[in-house]
Amino acid sequence: MDSRELVAWNMRRLRVDRKLSQDKLAELAGVDRTYVSRLERMMENPSIGILDKVAVTLGVSIAELFAPPSAEDQKPKPLKAGRRPKVVE
């Protein structure tokens, strides 16, 4: 895997593990949702600043975004599709 693939793999894995949608990750990291999507699809080359924002939001170091998956690791499954209904109080 090249660096862009590693970042995409790990971003999605960590995001799904934390049950964060792309929308929520983008909001918390202060980046556009479509940018998060493009990073996970390996369509963008993120800056160190963006990687830092994403890593801090996910609660990991930047180095973890570049960690190669082990042989047993399977591709992260997506979260359930669709937006969650808004809670009206």
PDB file of N, CA and C in Angstrom:
ATOM      1  N   MET A   1       0.837  -1.189   0.000  1.00  0.00           N
ATOM      2  CA  MET A   1       0.000   0.000   0.000  1.00  0.00           C
ATOM      3  C   MET A   1       0.877   1.245   0.000  1.00  0.00           C
ATOM      4  N   ASP A   2       0.469   2.239  -0.773  1.00  0.00           N
ATOM      5  CA  ASP A   2       1.189   3.509  -0.720  1.00  0.00           C
ATOM      6  C   ASP A   2       0.590   4.376   0.397  1.00  0.00           C
ATOM      7  N   SER A   3       1.186   5.520   0.638  1.00  0.00           N
ATOM      8  CA  SER A   3       0.780   6.381   1.755  1.00  0.00           C
ATOM      9  C   SER A   3      -0.677   6.824   1.655  1.00  0.00           C
ATOM     10  N   ARG A   4      -1.120   7.156   0.464  1.00  0.00           N
ATOM     11  CA  ARG A   4      -2.504   7.603   0.300  1.00  0.00           C
ATOM     12  C   ARG A   4      -3.483   6.473   0.636  1.00  0.00           C
ATOM     13  N   GLU A   5      -3.147   5.245   0.241  1.00  0.00           N
ATOM     14  CA  GLU A   5      -3.985   4.091   0.575  1.00  0.00           C
ATOM     15  C   GLU A   5      -4.007   3.837   2.085  1.00  0.00           C
ATOM     16  N   LEU A   6      -2.848   3.969   2.724  1.00  0.00           N
ATOM     17  CA  LEU A   6      -2.773   3.763   4.171  1.00  0.00           C
ATOM     18  C   LEU A   6      -3.621   4.783   4.920  1.00  0.00           C
ATOM     19  N   VAL A   7      -3.521   6.045   4.513  1.00  0.00           N
ATOM     20  CA  VAL A   7      -4.311   7.086   5.171  1.00  0.00           C
ATOM     21  C   VAL A   7      -5.800   6.803   4.971  1.00  0.00           C
ATOM     22  N   ALA A   8      -6.211   6.470   3.755  1.00  0.00           N
ATOM     23  CA  ALA A   8      -7.616   6.190   3.468  1.00  0.00           C
ATOM     24  C   ALA A   8      -8.112   5.006   4.305  1.00  0.00           C
ATOM     25  N   TRP A   9      -7.341   3.920   4.325  1.00  0.00           N
ATOM     26  CA  TRP A   9      -7.702   2.708   5.077  1.00  0.00           C
ATOM     27  C   TRP A   9      -7.867   3.030   6.564  1.00  0.00           C
ATOM     28  N   ASN A  10      -6.863   3.694   7.119  1.00  0.00           N
ATOM     29  CA  ASN A  10      -6.872   3.961   8.556  1.00  0.00           C
ATOM     30  C   ASN A  10      -7.898   5.009   8.958  1.00  0.00           C
ATOM     31  N   MET A  11      -8.105   6.020   8.136  1.00  0.00           N
ATOM     32  CA  MET A  11      -9.138   7.013   8.439  1.00  0.00           C
ATOM     33  C   MET A  11     -10.496   6.339   8.535  1.00  0.00           C
ATOM     34  N   ARG A  12     -10.806   5.530   7.553  1.00  0.00           N
ATOM     35  CA  ARG A  12     -12.115   4.865   7.550  1.00  0.00           C
ATOM     36  C   ARG A  12     -12.221   3.892   8.714  1.00  0.00           C
ATOM     37  N   ARG A  13     -11.181   3.106   8.961  1.00  0.00           N
ATOM     38  CA  ARG A  13     -11.193   2.123  10.056  1.00  0.00           C
ATOM     39  C   ARG A  13     -11.433   2.831  11.390  1.00  0.00           C
ATOM     40  N   LEU A  14     -10.670   3.883  11.642  1.00  0.00           N
ATOM     41  CA  LEU A  14     -10.791   4.600  12.905  1.00  0.00           C
ATOM     42  C   LEU A  14     -12.141   5.315  13.019  1.00  0.00           C
ATOM     43  N   ARG A  15     -12.600   5.886  11.926  1.00  0.00           N
ATOM     44  CA  ARG A  15     -13.894   6.581  11.932  1.00  0.00           C
ATOM     45  C   ARG A  15     -15.031   5.610  12.218  1.00  0.00           C
ATOM     46  N   VAL A  16     -15.020   4.471  11.546  1.00  0.00           N
ATOM     47  CA  VAL A  16     -16.074   3.466  11.741  1.00  0.00           C
ATOM     48  C   VAL A  16     -15.989   2.879  13.153  1.00  0.00           C
ATOM     49  N   ASP A  17     -14.778   2.606  13.644  1.00  0.00           N
ATOM     50  CA  ASP A  17     -14.614   2.100  15.017  1.00  0.00           C
ATOM     51  C   ASP A  17     -15.236   3.042  16.036  1.00  0.00           C
ATOM     52  N   ARG A  18     -15.163   4.337  15.759  1.00  0.00           N
ATOM     53  CA  ARG A  18     -15.699   5.342  16.678  1.00  0.00           C
ATOM     54  C   ARG A  18     -17.138   5.716  16.355  1.00  0.00           C
ATOM     55  N   LYS A  19     -17.704   5.012  15.370  1.00  0.00           N
ATOM     56  CA  LYS A  19     -19.093   5.230  14.938  1.00  0.00           C
ATOM     57  C   LYS A  19     -19.364   6.690  14.564  1.00  0.00           C
ATOM     58  N   LEU A  20     -18.394   7.270  13.861  1.00  0.00           N
ATOM     59  CA  LEU A  20     -18.542   8.633  13.363  1.00  0.00           C
ATOM     60  C   LEU A  20     -18.890   8.601  11.881  1.00  0.00           C
ATOM     61  N   SER A  21     -19.867   9.376  11.488  1.00  0.00           N
ATOM     62  CA  SER A  21     -20.151   9.525  10.061  1.00  0.00           C
ATOM     63  C   SER A  21     -19.087  10.436   9.460  1.00  0.00           C
ATOM     64  N   GLN A  22     -19.015  10.450   8.144  1.00  0.00           N
ATOM     65  CA  GLN A  22     -18.104  11.380   7.483  1.00  0.00           C
ATOM     66  C   GLN A  22     -18.502  12.807   7.821  1.00  0.00           C
ATOM     67  N   ASP A  23     -19.805  13.069   7.891  1.00  0.00           N
ATOM     68  CA  ASP A  23     -20.287  14.405   8.248  1.00  0.00           C
ATOM     69  C   ASP A  23     -19.765  14.826   9.617  1.00  0.00           C
ATOM     70  N   LYS A  24     -19.896  13.929  10.603  1.00  0.00           N
ATOM     71  CA  LYS A  24     -19.503  14.269  11.966  1.00  0.00           C
ATOM     72  C   LYS A  24     -17.991  14.446  12.077  1.00  0.00           C
ATOM     73  N   LEU A  25     -17.225  13.556  11.435  1.00  0.00           N
ATOM     74  CA  LEU A  25     -15.773  13.690  11.452  1.00  0.00           C
ATOM     75  C   LEU A  25     -15.364  15.023  10.838  1.00  0.00           C
ATOM     76  N   ALA A  26     -15.963  15.355   9.707  1.00  0.00           N
ATOM     77  CA  ALA A  26     -15.641  16.613   9.037  1.00  0.00           C
ATOM     78  C   ALA A  26     -15.977  17.808   9.920  1.00  0.00           C
ATOM     79  N   GLU A  27     -17.143  17.772  10.537  1.00  0.00           N
ATOM     80  CA  GLU A  27     -17.557  18.874  11.411  1.00  0.00           C
ATOM     81  C   GLU A  27     -16.588  19.041  12.582  1.00  0.00           C
ATOM     82  N   LEU A  28     -16.252  17.937  13.244  1.00  0.00           N
ATOM     83  CA  LEU A  28     -15.364  17.996  14.406  1.00  0.00           C
ATOM     84  C   LEU A  28     -13.940  18.409  14.033  1.00  0.00           C
ATOM     85  N   ALA A  29     -13.498  18.001  12.832  1.00  0.00           N
ATOM     86  CA  ALA A  29     -12.139  18.316  12.393  1.00  0.00           C
ATOM     87  C   ALA A  29     -12.044  19.684  11.716  1.00  0.00           C
ATOM     88  N   GLY A  30     -13.188  20.263  11.385  1.00  0.00           N
ATOM     89  CA  GLY A  30     -13.175  21.568  10.723  1.00  0.00           C
ATOM     90  C   GLY A  30     -12.797  21.504   9.258  1.00  0.00           C
ATOM     91  N   VAL A  31     -13.200  20.411   8.594  1.00  0.00           N
ATOM     92  CA  VAL A  31     -12.961  20.275   7.153  1.00  0.00           C
ATOM     93  C   VAL A  31     -14.290  19.948   6.474  1.00  0.00           C
ATOM     94  N   ASP A  32     -14.329  20.050   5.174  1.00  0.00           N
ATOM     95  CA  ASP A  32     -15.540  19.775   4.418  1.00  0.00           C
ATOM     96  C   ASP A  32     -15.814  18.277   4.346  1.00  0.00           C
ATOM     97  N   ARG A  33     -17.090  17.891   4.416  1.00  0.00           N
ATOM     98  CA  ARG A  33     -17.461  16.480   4.366  1.00  0.00           C
ATOM     99  C   ARG A  33     -17.027  15.818   3.053  1.00  0.00           C
ATOM    100  N   THR A  34     -17.161  16.556   1.958  1.00  0.00           N
ATOM    101  CA  THR A  34     -16.762  15.967   0.685  1.00  0.00           C
ATOM    102  C   THR A  34     -15.257  15.719   0.652  1.00  0.00           C
ATOM    103  N   TYR A  35     -14.503  16.539   1.383  1.00  0.00           N
ATOM    104  CA  TYR A  35     -13.049  16.338   1.456  1.00  0.00           C
ATOM    105  C   TYR A  35     -12.732  15.055   2.207  1.00  0.00           C
ATOM    106  N   VAL A  36     -13.446  14.800   3.308  1.00  0.00           N
ATOM    107  CA  VAL A  36     -13.257  13.546   4.049  1.00  0.00           C
ATOM    108  C   VAL A  36     -13.566  12.368   3.134  1.00  0.00           C
ATOM    109  N   SER A  37     -14.654  12.462   2.395  1.00  0.00           N
ATOM    110  CA  SER A  37     -15.022  11.399   1.458  1.00  0.00           C
ATOM    111  C   SER A  37     -13.929  11.189   0.413  1.00  0.00           C
ATOM    112  N   ARG A  38     -13.419  12.267  -0.126  1.00  0.00           N
ATOM    113  CA  ARG A  38     -12.373  12.161  -1.155  1.00  0.00           C
ATOM    114  C   ARG A  38     -11.079  11.590  -0.581  1.00  0.00           C
ATOM    115  N   LEU A  39     -10.772  11.896   0.689  1.00  0.00           N
ATOM    116  CA  LEU A  39      -9.592  11.304   1.322  1.00  0.00           C
ATOM    117  C   LEU A  39      -9.770   9.792   1.458  1.00  0.00           C
ATOM    118  N   GLU A  40     -10.943   9.377   1.898  1.00  0.00           N
ATOM    119  CA  GLU A  40     -11.196   7.943   2.075  1.00  0.00           C
ATOM    120  C   GLU A  40     -11.250   7.191   0.744  1.00  0.00           C
ATOM    121  N   ARG A  41     -11.500   7.911  -0.335  1.00  0.00           N
ATOM    122  CA  ARG A  41     -11.511   7.272  -1.663  1.00  0.00           C
ATOM    123  C   ARG A  41     -10.205   7.493  -2.415  1.00  0.00           C
ATOM    124  N   MET A  42      -9.200   8.011  -1.717  1.00  0.00           N
ATOM    125  CA  MET A  42      -7.854   8.212  -2.265  1.00  0.00           C
ATOM    126  C   MET A  42      -7.835   9.172  -3.446  1.00  0.00           C
ATOM    127  N   MET A  43      -8.690  10.181  -3.395  1.00  0.00           N
ATOM    128  CA  MET A  43      -8.764  11.151  -4.476  1.00  0.00           C
ATOM    129  C   MET A  43      -8.051  12.455  -4.138  1.00  0.00           C
ATOM    130  N   GLU A  44      -7.583  12.596  -2.905  1.00  0.00           N
ATOM    131  CA  GLU A  44      -6.907  13.812  -2.461  1.00  0.00           C
ATOM    132  C   GLU A  44      -5.581  13.473  -1.796  1.00  0.00           C
ATOM    133  N   ASN A  45      -4.667  14.418  -1.841  1.00  0.00           N
ATOM    134  CA  ASN A  45      -3.409  14.336  -1.105  1.00  0.00           C
ATOM    135  C   ASN A  45      -3.487  15.358   0.022  1.00  0.00           C
ATOM    136  N   PRO A  46      -3.750  14.891   1.252  1.00  0.00           N
ATOM    137  CA  PRO A  46      -3.941  15.841   2.341  1.00  0.00           C
ATOM    138  C   PRO A  46      -2.639  16.480   2.794  1.00  0.00           C
ATOM    139  N   SER A  47      -2.764  17.694   3.309  1.00  0.00           N
ATOM    140  CA  SER A  47      -1.604  18.369   3.904  1.00  0.00           C
ATOM    141  C   SER A  47      -1.389  17.815   5.307  1.00  0.00           C
ATOM    142  N   ILE A  48      -0.231  18.103   5.870  1.00  0.00           N
ATOM    143  CA  ILE A  48       0.060  17.696   7.245  1.00  0.00           C
ATOM    144  C   ILE A  48      -0.944  18.344   8.192  1.00  0.00           C
ATOM    145  N   GLY A  49      -1.329  19.568   7.910  1.00  0.00           N
ATOM    146  CA  GLY A  49      -2.309  20.256   8.750  1.00  0.00           C
ATOM    147  C   GLY A  49      -3.646  19.532   8.797  1.00  0.00           C
ATOM    148  N   ILE A  50      -4.115  19.069   7.646  1.00  0.00           N
ATOM    149  CA  ILE A  50      -5.377  18.323   7.581  1.00  0.00           C
ATOM    150  C   ILE A  50      -5.230  16.998   8.307  1.00  0.00           C
ATOM    151  N   LEU A  51      -4.121  16.293   8.070  1.00  0.00           N
ATOM    152  CA  LEU A  51      -3.902  15.018   8.762  1.00  0.00           C
ATOM    153  C   LEU A  51      -3.872  15.223  10.271  1.00  0.00           C
ATOM    154  N   ASP A  52      -3.274  16.318  10.720  1.00  0.00           N
ATOM    155  CA  ASP A  52      -3.225  16.607  12.142  1.00  0.00           C
ATOM    156  C   ASP A  52      -4.628  16.821  12.700  1.00  0.00           C
ATOM    157  N   LYS A  53      -5.459  17.586  12.004  1.00  0.00           N
ATOM    158  CA  LYS A  53      -6.833  17.820  12.443  1.00  0.00           C
ATOM    159  C   LYS A  53      -7.610  16.512  12.537  1.00  0.00           C
ATOM    160  N   VAL A  54      -7.477  15.677  11.523  1.00  0.00           N
ATOM    161  CA  VAL A  54      -8.192  14.405  11.496  1.00  0.00           C
ATOM    162  C   VAL A  54      -7.695  13.495  12.624  1.00  0.00           C
ATOM    163  N   ALA A  55      -6.383  13.409  12.796  1.00  0.00           N
ATOM    164  CA  ALA A  55      -5.810  12.556  13.838  1.00  0.00           C
ATOM    165  C   ALA A  55      -6.265  13.003  15.227  1.00  0.00           C
ATOM    166  N   VAL A  56      -6.211  14.295  15.490  1.00  0.00           N
ATOM    167  CA  VAL A  56      -6.649  14.821  16.796  1.00  0.00           C
ATOM    168  C   VAL A  56      -8.122  14.489  17.012  1.00  0.00           C
ATOM    169  N   THR A  57      -8.939  14.683  16.012  1.00  0.00           N
ATOM    170  CA  THR A  57     -10.365  14.387  16.115  1.00  0.00           C
ATOM    171  C   THR A  57     -10.615  12.910  16.401  1.00  0.00           C
ATOM    172  N   LEU A  58      -9.808  12.037  15.782  1.00  0.00           N
ATOM    173  CA  LEU A  58      -9.958  10.598  15.994  1.00  0.00           C
ATOM    174  C   LEU A  58      -9.252  10.113  17.260  1.00  0.00           C
ATOM    175  N   GLY A  59      -8.486  11.003  17.894  1.00  0.00           N
ATOM    176  CA  GLY A  59      -7.806  10.651  19.139  1.00  0.00           C
ATOM    177  C   GLY A  59      -6.584   9.775  18.954  1.00  0.00           C
ATOM    178  N   VAL A  60      -5.889   9.960  17.824  1.00  0.00           N
ATOM    179  CA  VAL A  60      -4.691   9.173  17.541  1.00  0.00           C
ATOM    180  C   VAL A  60      -3.563  10.114  17.097  1.00  0.00           C
ATOM    181  N   SER A  61      -2.366   9.564  16.983  1.00  0.00           N
ATOM    182  CA  SER A  61      -1.258  10.341  16.430  1.00  0.00           C
ATOM    183  C   SER A  61      -1.305  10.236  14.907  1.00  0.00           C
ATOM    184  N   ILE A  62      -0.666  11.179  14.257  1.00  0.00           N
ATOM    185  CA  ILE A  62      -0.595  11.128  12.790  1.00  0.00           C
ATOM    186  C   ILE A  62       0.026   9.813  12.335  1.00  0.00           C
ATOM    187  N   ALA A  63       0.995   9.318  13.080  1.00  0.00           N
ATOM    188  CA  ALA A  63       1.667   8.065  12.702  1.00  0.00           C
ATOM    189  C   ALA A  63       0.682   6.916  12.542  1.00  0.00           C
ATOM    190  N   GLU A  64      -0.381   6.908  13.352  1.00  0.00           N
ATOM    191  CA  GLU A  64      -1.351   5.812  13.240  1.00  0.00           C
ATOM    192  C   GLU A  64      -2.095   5.841  11.913  1.00  0.00           C
ATOM    193  N   LEU A  65      -2.195   7.008  11.293  1.00  0.00           N
ATOM    194  CA  LEU A  65      -2.844   7.090   9.980  1.00  0.00           C
ATOM    195  C   LEU A  65      -2.006   6.417   8.899  1.00  0.00           C
ATOM    196  N   PHE A  66      -0.721   6.203   9.178  1.00  0.00           N
ATOM    197  CA  PHE A  66       0.177   5.559   8.211  1.00  0.00           C
ATOM    198  C   PHE A  66       0.525   4.127   8.583  1.00  0.00           C
ATOM    199  N   ALA A  67      -0.095   3.588   9.636  1.00  0.00           N
ATOM    200  CA  ALA A  67       0.207   2.221  10.083  1.00  0.00           C
ATOM    201  C   ALA A  67      -0.342   1.211   9.089  1.00  0.00           C
ATOM    202  N   PRO A  68       0.500   0.284   8.623  1.00  0.00           N
ATOM    203  CA  PRO A  68       0.001  -0.727   7.690  1.00  0.00           C
ATOM    204  C   PRO A  68      -0.912  -1.719   8.405  1.00  0.00           C
ATOM    205  N   PRO A  69      -1.967  -2.178   7.726  1.00  0.00           N
ATOM    206  CA  PRO A  69      -2.854  -3.161   8.342  1.00  0.00           C
ATOM    207  C   PRO A  69      -2.144  -4.512   8.457  1.00  0.00           C
ATOM    208  N   SER A  70      -2.555  -5.282   9.449  1.00  0.00           N
ATOM    209  CA  SER A  70      -1.987  -6.628   9.576  1.00  0.00           C
ATOM    210  C   SER A  70      -2.648  -7.534   8.540  1.00  0.00           C
ATOM    211  N   ALA A  71      -2.086  -8.699   8.351  1.00  0.00           N
ATOM    212  CA  ALA A  71      -2.596  -9.636   7.344  1.00  0.00           C
ATOM    213  C   ALA A  71      -4.036 -10.054   7.644  1.00  0.00           C
ATOM    214  N   GLU A  72      -4.431 -10.049   8.925  1.00  0.00           N
ATOM    215  CA  GLU A  72      -5.776 -10.480   9.306  1.00  0.00           C
ATOM    216  C   GLU A  72      -6.823  -9.380   9.158  1.00  0.00           C
ATOM    217  N   ASP A  73      -6.376  -8.127   9.074  1.00  0.00           N
ATOM    218  CA  ASP A  73      -7.319  -7.007   9.004  1.00  0.00           C
ATOM    219  C   ASP A  73      -8.132  -7.055   7.720  1.00  0.00           C
ATOM    220  N   GLN A  74      -9.439  -6.873   7.893  1.00  0.00           N
ATOM    221  CA  GLN A  74     -10.332  -6.818   6.747  1.00  0.00           C
ATOM    222  C   GLN A  74     -10.695  -5.361   6.480  1.00  0.00           C
ATOM    223  N   LYS A  75     -11.093  -5.100   5.253  1.00  0.00           N
ATOM    224  CA  LYS A  75     -11.482  -3.741   4.888  1.00  0.00           C
ATOM    225  C   LYS A  75     -12.613  -3.293   5.806  1.00  0.00           C
ATOM    226  N   PRO A  76     -12.504  -2.071   6.350  1.00  0.00           N
ATOM    227  CA  PRO A  76     -13.551  -1.589   7.256  1.00  0.00           C
ATOM    228  C   PRO A  76     -14.902  -1.526   6.555  1.00  0.00           C
ATOM    229  N   LYS A  77     -15.927  -2.009   7.244  1.00  0.00           N
ATOM    230  CA  LYS A  77     -17.274  -1.960   6.690  1.00  0.00           C
ATOM    231  C   LYS A  77     -17.848  -0.570   6.918  1.00  0.00           C
ATOM    232  N   PRO A  78     -18.697  -0.111   6.008  1.00  0.00           N
ATOM    233  CA  PRO A  78     -19.292   1.216   6.188  1.00  0.00           C
ATOM    234  C   PRO A  78     -20.310   1.211   7.316  1.00  0.00           C
ATOM    235  N   LEU A  79     -20.580   2.391   7.840  1.00  0.00           N
ATOM    236  CA  LEU A  79     -21.654   2.540   8.806  1.00  0.00           C
ATOM    237  C   LEU A  79     -22.982   2.392   8.089  1.00  0.00           C
ATOM    238  N   LYS A  80     -24.038   2.180   8.842  1.00  0.00           N
ATOM    239  CA  LYS A  80     -25.372   2.097   8.269  1.00  0.00           C
ATOM    240  C   LYS A  80     -25.663   3.371   7.483  1.00  0.00           C
ATOM    241  N   ALA A  81     -26.184   3.211   6.288  1.00  0.00           N
ATOM    242  CA  ALA A  81     -26.442   4.352   5.405  1.00  0.00           C
ATOM    243  C   ALA A  81     -27.574   5.219   5.930  1.00  0.00           C
ATOM    244  N   GLY A  82     -27.543   6.444   5.520  1.00  0.00           N
ATOM    245  CA  GLY A  82     -28.609   7.377   5.865  1.00  0.00           C
ATOM    246  C   GLY A  82     -28.260   8.235   7.056  1.00  0.00           C
ATOM    247  N   ARG A  83     -28.958   9.307   7.151  1.00  0.00           N
ATOM    248  CA  ARG A  83     -28.735  10.234   8.258  1.00  0.00           C
ATOM    249  C   ARG A  83     -29.622   9.826   9.434  1.00  0.00           C
ATOM    250  N   ARG A  84     -29.099  10.052  10.620  1.00  0.00           N
ATOM    251  CA  ARG A  84     -29.870   9.771  11.824  1.00  0.00           C
ATOM    252  C   ARG A  84     -30.930  10.859  11.977  1.00  0.00           C
ATOM    253  N   PRO A  85     -32.105  10.470  12.452  1.00  0.00           N
ATOM    254  CA  PRO A  85     -33.132  11.493  12.661  1.00  0.00           C
ATOM    255  C   PRO A  85     -32.719  12.455  13.772  1.00  0.00           C
ATOM    256  N   LYS A  86     -33.115  13.703  13.632  1.00  0.00           N
ATOM    257  CA  LYS A  86     -32.812  14.694  14.655  1.00  0.00           C
ATOM    258  C   LYS A  86     -33.692  14.435  15.870  1.00  0.00           C
ATOM    259  N   VAL A  87     -33.100  14.594  17.023  1.00  0.00           N
ATOM    260  CA  VAL A  87     -33.832  14.422  18.279  1.00  0.00           C
ATOM    261  C   VAL A  87     -34.474  15.749  18.632  1.00  0.00           C
ATOM    262  N   VAL A  88     -35.770  15.746  18.798  1.00  0.00           N
ATOM    263  CA  VAL A  88     -36.501  16.950  19.157  1.00  0.00           C
ATOM    264  C   VAL A  88     -36.780  16.875  20.651  1.00  0.00           C
ATOM    265  N   GLU A  89     -36.323  17.897  21.357  1.00  0.00           N
ATOM    266  CA  GLU A  89     -36.511  17.912  22.823  1.00  0.00           C
ATOM    267  C   GLU A  89     -37.649  18.789  23.215  1.00  0.00           C
TER     268      GLU A  89
END
